[in-house]
Amino acid sequence: MDPAQRRWGGEPEPEPPTPHWEQGARPGGPAAPGAAPPSRRKHRVFFWCFLAVQILFIVWIVTGIAAVSGTPAECQGLTGNDLQLCKDARDVGAAIGVGFIVGLWVAVDFILALTYSIHRLTRR
């Protein structure tokens, strides 16, 4: 005989109403057995920060290259070999500057990747 039917009159005892929090996860408590965990939307903060850093470095390189286009003011009035030497010196300086930016970009990406992998390992 079912324990619910062991009442004095032999009639089954009515079941109490199930609270709404027992149908799924309890607020602030563990999920009920057999219930699916509540879906949680992932915030991709790192992804958007990473993209923002990439865009900043691309903009920095493009503006750096665009700044050295044309004849520089220091080369005005020069002719012949002197003008060519002045332009070549400016191009070498621009190449060094862009190389510095690319090196910094690689270093920042490496630090971001290391930080992200440490973050992922701690969340396991």
N, C-alpha and C. Protein backbone atom coordinates (compact mmCIF):
# COMPACT_ATOMS: atom_id res chain seq x y z
N MET A 1 0.83 -1.17 0.00
CA MET A 1 0.00 0.00 0.00
C MET A 1 0.89 1.25 0.00
N ASP A 2 0.48 2.22 -0.75
CA ASP A 2 1.21 3.47 -0.87
C ASP A 2 1.16 4.22 0.46
N PRO A 3 2.26 4.83 0.90
CA PRO A 3 2.24 5.57 2.16
C PRO A 3 1.21 6.70 2.15
N ALA A 4 0.90 7.22 0.99
CA ALA A 4 -0.09 8.30 0.94
C ALA A 4 -1.49 7.76 1.23
N GLN A 5 -1.70 6.44 1.05
CA GLN A 5 -3.01 5.85 1.29
C GLN A 5 -3.15 5.32 2.72
N ARG A 6 -2.14 5.42 3.53
CA ARG A 6 -2.19 4.92 4.90
C ARG A 6 -2.83 5.91 5.85
N ARG A 7 -3.81 6.55 5.40
CA ARG A 7 -4.54 7.47 6.24
C ARG A 7 -5.64 6.72 6.95
N TRP A 8 -6.25 7.31 7.93
CA TRP A 8 -7.26 6.63 8.75
C TRP A 8 -8.40 6.09 7.91
N GLY A 9 -8.87 6.78 6.95
CA GLY A 9 -10.02 6.31 6.20
C GLY A 9 -9.65 5.46 5.02
N GLY A 10 -8.35 5.25 4.74
CA GLY A 10 -7.94 4.48 3.60
C GLY A 10 -7.93 5.30 2.32
N GLU A 11 -8.31 6.54 2.40
CA GLU A 11 -8.32 7.40 1.21
C GLU A 11 -6.91 7.98 1.01
N PRO A 12 -6.53 8.16 -0.24
CA PRO A 12 -5.21 8.75 -0.47
C PRO A 12 -5.18 10.20 -0.01
N GLU A 13 -4.02 10.53 0.54
CA GLU A 13 -3.82 11.90 1.02
C GLU A 13 -3.59 12.80 -0.20
N PRO A 14 -4.25 13.96 -0.27
CA PRO A 14 -4.03 14.85 -1.42
C PRO A 14 -2.60 15.39 -1.42
N GLU A 15 -2.04 15.48 -2.60
CA GLU A 15 -0.67 16.00 -2.71
C GLU A 15 -0.69 17.51 -2.56
N PRO A 16 0.30 18.04 -1.83
CA PRO A 16 0.36 19.50 -1.70
C PRO A 16 0.72 20.12 -3.05
N PRO A 17 0.28 21.34 -3.30
CA PRO A 17 0.62 21.99 -4.57
C PRO A 17 2.14 22.21 -4.68
N THR A 18 2.65 22.00 -5.85
CA THR A 18 4.08 22.17 -6.08
C THR A 18 4.38 23.65 -6.29
N PRO A 19 5.27 24.21 -5.46
CA PRO A 19 5.64 25.61 -5.67
C PRO A 19 6.32 25.79 -7.02
N HIS A 20 6.23 26.99 -7.56
CA HIS A 20 6.77 27.23 -8.89
C HIS A 20 8.29 27.08 -8.93
N TRP A 21 8.96 27.28 -7.81
CA TRP A 21 10.41 27.16 -7.84
C TRP A 21 10.88 25.72 -7.83
N GLU A 22 10.02 24.75 -7.53
CA GLU A 22 10.42 23.35 -7.58
C GLU A 22 10.30 22.78 -8.98
N GLN A 23 9.66 23.47 -9.87
CA GLN A 23 9.51 22.97 -11.23
C GLN A 23 10.78 23.14 -12.04
N GLY A 24 11.64 24.02 -11.65
CA GLY A 24 12.91 24.24 -12.33
C GLY A 24 13.99 24.44 -11.29
N ALA A 25 14.72 25.49 -11.45
CA ALA A 25 15.78 25.80 -10.50
C ALA A 25 15.23 26.67 -9.38
N ARG A 26 15.68 26.39 -8.17
CA ARG A 26 15.29 27.23 -7.05
C ARG A 26 16.04 28.55 -7.14
N PRO A 27 15.39 29.63 -6.78
CA PRO A 27 16.13 30.90 -6.80
C PRO A 27 17.21 30.88 -5.73
N GLY A 28 18.45 31.00 -6.17
CA GLY A 28 19.57 31.01 -5.24
C GLY A 28 19.97 29.63 -4.76
N GLY A 29 19.39 28.57 -5.29
CA GLY A 29 19.70 27.22 -4.84
C GLY A 29 20.01 26.32 -6.02
N PRO A 30 20.29 25.04 -5.71
CA PRO A 30 20.61 24.12 -6.80
C PRO A 30 19.37 23.78 -7.62
N ALA A 31 19.59 23.30 -8.80
CA ALA A 31 18.48 22.94 -9.69
C ALA A 31 17.81 21.68 -9.19
N ALA A 32 16.55 21.56 -9.49
CA ALA A 32 15.81 20.36 -9.12
C ALA A 32 16.34 19.19 -9.93
N PRO A 33 16.26 17.97 -9.37
CA PRO A 33 16.78 16.81 -10.12
C PRO A 33 16.04 16.62 -11.44
N GLY A 34 16.79 16.40 -12.49
CA GLY A 34 16.19 16.17 -13.79
C GLY A 34 15.87 17.45 -14.55
N ALA A 35 16.03 18.60 -13.92
CA ALA A 35 15.73 19.86 -14.60
C ALA A 35 16.98 20.35 -15.31
N ALA A 36 16.79 20.94 -16.46
CA ALA A 36 17.91 21.49 -17.22
C ALA A 36 18.39 22.76 -16.54
N PRO A 37 19.71 22.98 -16.51
CA PRO A 37 20.21 24.21 -15.90
C PRO A 37 19.73 25.42 -16.69
N PRO A 38 19.52 26.54 -16.02
CA PRO A 38 19.08 27.72 -16.75
C PRO A 38 20.14 28.17 -17.73
N SER A 39 19.72 28.53 -18.93
CA SER A 39 20.68 28.96 -19.94
C SER A 39 21.17 30.36 -19.59
N ARG A 40 22.46 30.53 -19.70
CA ARG A 40 23.08 31.79 -19.38
C ARG A 40 23.77 32.33 -20.61
N ARG A 41 23.45 33.51 -20.99
CA ARG A 41 24.02 34.12 -22.19
C ARG A 41 25.46 34.51 -21.89
N LYS A 42 26.36 34.08 -22.76
CA LYS A 42 27.76 34.40 -22.56
C LYS A 42 28.03 35.83 -23.01
N HIS A 43 28.72 36.52 -22.16
CA HIS A 43 29.16 37.87 -22.53
C HIS A 43 30.57 37.74 -23.09
N ARG A 44 30.75 38.17 -24.29
CA ARG A 44 32.05 38.05 -24.95
C ARG A 44 32.83 39.35 -24.79
N VAL A 45 33.13 39.67 -23.57
CA VAL A 45 33.84 40.91 -23.27
C VAL A 45 35.25 40.85 -23.83
N PHE A 46 35.94 39.73 -23.61
CA PHE A 46 37.31 39.62 -24.10
C PHE A 46 37.36 39.72 -25.61
N PHE A 47 36.43 39.08 -26.27
CA PHE A 47 36.40 39.11 -27.74
C PHE A 47 36.29 40.54 -28.26
N TRP A 48 35.38 41.33 -27.68
CA TRP A 48 35.21 42.70 -28.14
C TRP A 48 36.40 43.58 -27.77
N CYS A 49 37.01 43.34 -26.62
CA CYS A 49 38.22 44.08 -26.26
C CYS A 49 39.36 43.75 -27.22
N PHE A 50 39.48 42.46 -27.56
CA PHE A 50 40.51 42.04 -28.49
C PHE A 50 40.32 42.70 -29.86
N LEU A 51 39.07 42.73 -30.35
CA LEU A 51 38.81 43.38 -31.63
C LEU A 51 39.10 44.88 -31.56
N ALA A 52 38.77 45.51 -30.45
CA ALA A 52 39.04 46.94 -30.30
C ALA A 52 40.54 47.22 -30.35
N VAL A 53 41.35 46.36 -29.72
CA VAL A 53 42.81 46.54 -29.76
C VAL A 53 43.32 46.37 -31.18
N GLN A 54 42.79 45.39 -31.91
CA GLN A 54 43.22 45.17 -33.29
C GLN A 54 42.89 46.38 -34.17
N ILE A 55 41.70 46.92 -33.99
CA ILE A 55 41.28 48.08 -34.78
C ILE A 55 42.15 49.29 -34.45
N LEU A 56 42.47 49.48 -33.17
CA LEU A 56 43.34 50.61 -32.79
C LEU A 56 44.71 50.50 -33.44
N PHE A 57 45.29 49.30 -33.46
CA PHE A 57 46.60 49.14 -34.07
C PHE A 57 46.53 49.34 -35.59
N ILE A 58 45.47 48.87 -36.23
CA ILE A 58 45.33 49.09 -37.68
C ILE A 58 45.22 50.57 -37.99
N VAL A 59 44.40 51.28 -37.21
CA VAL A 59 44.25 52.72 -37.42
C VAL A 59 45.58 53.43 -37.19
N TRP A 60 46.33 53.00 -36.17
CA TRP A 60 47.62 53.62 -35.86
C TRP A 60 48.61 53.43 -37.01
N ILE A 61 48.65 52.24 -37.61
CA ILE A 61 49.55 51.99 -38.74
C ILE A 61 49.13 52.79 -39.96
N VAL A 62 47.83 52.81 -40.26
CA VAL A 62 47.36 53.54 -41.45
C VAL A 62 47.65 55.03 -41.30
N THR A 63 47.37 55.60 -40.13
CA THR A 63 47.65 57.04 -39.96
C THR A 63 49.14 57.32 -39.97
N GLY A 64 49.95 56.37 -39.47
CA GLY A 64 51.41 56.56 -39.52
C GLY A 64 51.94 56.55 -40.94
N ILE A 65 51.41 55.65 -41.75
CA ILE A 65 51.85 55.60 -43.15
C ILE A 65 51.34 56.81 -43.92
N ALA A 66 50.10 57.22 -43.64
CA ALA A 66 49.54 58.37 -44.36
C ALA A 66 50.26 59.66 -43.98
N ALA A 67 50.81 59.72 -42.78
CA ALA A 67 51.50 60.95 -42.34
C ALA A 67 52.80 61.19 -43.11
N VAL A 68 53.39 60.15 -43.67
CA VAL A 68 54.67 60.33 -44.37
C VAL A 68 54.50 60.41 -45.88
N SER A 69 53.28 60.51 -46.36
CA SER A 69 53.09 60.62 -47.81
C SER A 69 53.34 62.06 -48.24
N GLY A 70 53.77 62.22 -49.46
CA GLY A 70 54.05 63.56 -49.98
C GLY A 70 55.46 64.00 -49.66
N THR A 71 55.75 65.22 -50.02
CA THR A 71 57.09 65.78 -49.76
C THR A 71 57.09 66.45 -48.39
N PRO A 72 57.99 66.07 -47.51
CA PRO A 72 58.01 66.69 -46.19
C PRO A 72 58.46 68.14 -46.25
N ALA A 73 58.08 68.91 -45.25
CA ALA A 73 58.41 70.34 -45.20
C ALA A 73 59.91 70.54 -45.09
N GLU A 74 60.62 69.61 -44.48
CA GLU A 74 62.07 69.74 -44.34
C GLU A 74 62.79 69.60 -45.68
N CYS A 75 62.14 68.95 -46.64
CA CYS A 75 62.77 68.72 -47.94
C CYS A 75 62.45 69.82 -48.95
N GLN A 76 61.64 70.79 -48.58
CA GLN A 76 61.29 71.87 -49.51
C GLN A 76 62.53 72.69 -49.84
N GLY A 77 62.70 72.97 -51.10
CA GLY A 77 63.82 73.78 -51.56
C GLY A 77 65.04 72.95 -51.92
N LEU A 78 65.03 71.66 -51.65
CA LEU A 78 66.17 70.81 -52.00
C LEU A 78 65.96 70.25 -53.41
N THR A 79 67.06 69.99 -54.08
CA THR A 79 66.98 69.44 -55.43
C THR A 79 68.01 68.33 -55.59
N GLY A 80 67.80 67.51 -56.60
CA GLY A 80 68.78 66.48 -56.95
C GLY A 80 68.95 65.42 -55.88
N ASN A 81 70.23 65.12 -55.62
CA ASN A 81 70.55 64.08 -54.65
C ASN A 81 70.11 64.43 -53.23
N ASP A 82 70.17 65.71 -52.90
CA ASP A 82 69.76 66.14 -51.56
C ASP A 82 68.27 65.86 -51.33
N LEU A 83 67.43 66.14 -52.32
CA LEU A 83 66.00 65.87 -52.21
C LEU A 83 65.74 64.36 -52.09
N GLN A 84 66.45 63.59 -52.90
CA GLN A 84 66.27 62.13 -52.85
C GLN A 84 66.74 61.57 -51.51
N LEU A 85 67.85 62.08 -51.00
CA LEU A 85 68.36 61.64 -49.70
C LEU A 85 67.39 61.97 -48.58
N CYS A 86 66.77 63.16 -48.63
CA CYS A 86 65.79 63.58 -47.62
C CYS A 86 64.56 62.68 -47.66
N LYS A 87 64.07 62.38 -48.84
CA LYS A 87 62.90 61.49 -48.98
C LYS A 87 63.22 60.08 -48.51
N ASP A 88 64.42 59.58 -48.85
CA ASP A 88 64.81 58.24 -48.42
C ASP A 88 64.93 58.15 -46.90
N ALA A 89 65.46 59.21 -46.30
CA ALA A 89 65.59 59.23 -44.84
C ALA A 89 64.20 59.20 -44.18
N ARG A 90 63.26 59.93 -44.77
CA ARG A 90 61.90 59.93 -44.25
C ARG A 90 61.26 58.55 -44.39
N ASP A 91 61.51 57.89 -45.52
CA ASP A 91 60.96 56.54 -45.73
C ASP A 91 61.55 55.53 -44.75
N VAL A 92 62.84 55.65 -44.48
CA VAL A 92 63.47 54.75 -43.51
C VAL A 92 62.89 54.99 -42.12
N GLY A 93 62.69 56.24 -41.77
CA GLY A 93 62.08 56.56 -40.47
C GLY A 93 60.66 56.01 -40.37
N ALA A 94 59.91 56.11 -41.46
CA ALA A 94 58.55 55.58 -41.46
C ALA A 94 58.57 54.06 -41.32
N ALA A 95 59.50 53.39 -42.00
CA ALA A 95 59.60 51.93 -41.89
C ALA A 95 59.97 51.52 -40.47
N ILE A 96 60.86 52.25 -39.84
CA ILE A 96 61.22 51.95 -38.45
C ILE A 96 60.01 52.16 -37.54
N GLY A 97 59.27 53.23 -37.76
CA GLY A 97 58.08 53.50 -36.95
C GLY A 97 57.02 52.44 -37.11
N VAL A 98 56.75 52.02 -38.35
CA VAL A 98 55.75 50.98 -38.60
C VAL A 98 56.23 49.66 -38.01
N GLY A 99 57.52 49.37 -38.13
CA GLY A 99 58.07 48.15 -37.52
C GLY A 99 57.91 48.16 -36.01
N PHE A 100 58.12 49.32 -35.40
CA PHE A 100 57.93 49.45 -33.95
C PHE A 100 56.47 49.20 -33.58
N ILE A 101 55.56 49.75 -34.36
CA ILE A 101 54.13 49.56 -34.08
C ILE A 101 53.75 48.09 -34.24
N VAL A 102 54.24 47.43 -35.28
CA VAL A 102 53.94 46.01 -35.49
C VAL A 102 54.53 45.16 -34.35
N GLY A 103 55.74 45.48 -33.92
CA GLY A 103 56.34 44.76 -32.79
C GLY A 103 55.54 44.93 -31.51
N LEU A 104 55.08 46.15 -31.27
CA LEU A 104 54.24 46.41 -30.11
C LEU A 104 52.91 45.67 -30.23
N TRP A 105 52.38 45.62 -31.44
CA TRP A 105 51.12 44.91 -31.70
C TRP A 105 51.27 43.42 -31.36
N VAL A 106 52.36 42.81 -31.80
CA VAL A 106 52.60 41.39 -31.52
C VAL A 106 52.74 41.16 -30.02
N ALA A 107 53.47 42.05 -29.34
CA ALA A 107 53.65 41.91 -27.89
C ALA A 107 52.31 42.02 -27.15
N VAL A 108 51.48 42.98 -27.54
CA VAL A 108 50.18 43.15 -26.89
C VAL A 108 49.28 41.94 -27.17
N ASP A 109 49.29 41.43 -28.40
CA ASP A 109 48.49 40.25 -28.71
C ASP A 109 48.96 39.03 -27.92
N PHE A 110 50.27 38.89 -27.74
CA PHE A 110 50.80 37.78 -26.95
C PHE A 110 50.35 37.90 -25.49
N ILE A 111 50.41 39.10 -24.94
CA ILE A 111 49.97 39.31 -23.56
C ILE A 111 48.47 39.06 -23.42
N LEU A 112 47.69 39.49 -24.40
CA LEU A 112 46.25 39.23 -24.36
C LEU A 112 45.95 37.73 -24.45
N ALA A 113 46.66 37.02 -25.32
CA ALA A 113 46.44 35.58 -25.45
C ALA A 113 46.83 34.85 -24.17
N LEU A 114 47.93 35.25 -23.55
CA LEU A 114 48.35 34.63 -22.29
C LEU A 114 47.34 34.90 -21.19
N THR A 115 46.85 36.13 -21.11
CA THR A 115 45.85 36.48 -20.12
C THR A 115 44.57 35.69 -20.33
N TYR A 116 44.15 35.56 -21.57
CA TYR A 116 42.92 34.82 -21.87
C TYR A 116 43.07 33.34 -21.52
N SER A 117 44.21 32.76 -21.85
CA SER A 117 44.39 31.34 -21.54
C SER A 117 44.46 31.10 -20.04
N ILE A 118 45.06 31.99 -19.27
CA ILE A 118 45.06 31.87 -17.82
C ILE A 118 43.65 32.01 -17.28
N HIS A 119 42.88 32.93 -17.83
CA HIS A 119 41.49 33.11 -17.41
C HIS A 119 40.67 31.85 -17.69
N ARG A 120 40.87 31.24 -18.85
CA ARG A 120 40.13 30.02 -19.20
C ARG A 120 40.52 28.85 -18.29
N LEU A 121 41.80 28.77 -17.93
CA LEU A 121 42.23 27.69 -17.06
C LEU A 121 41.65 27.82 -15.65
N THR A 122 41.50 29.04 -15.17
CA THR A 122 40.96 29.22 -13.83
C THR A 122 39.46 28.97 -13.78
N ARG A 123 38.76 29.04 -14.90
CA ARG A 123 37.31 28.82 -14.91
C ARG A 123 36.95 27.35 -15.10
N ARG A 124 37.92 26.48 -15.27
CA ARG A 124 37.64 25.05 -15.43
C ARG A 124 37.23 24.43 -14.14
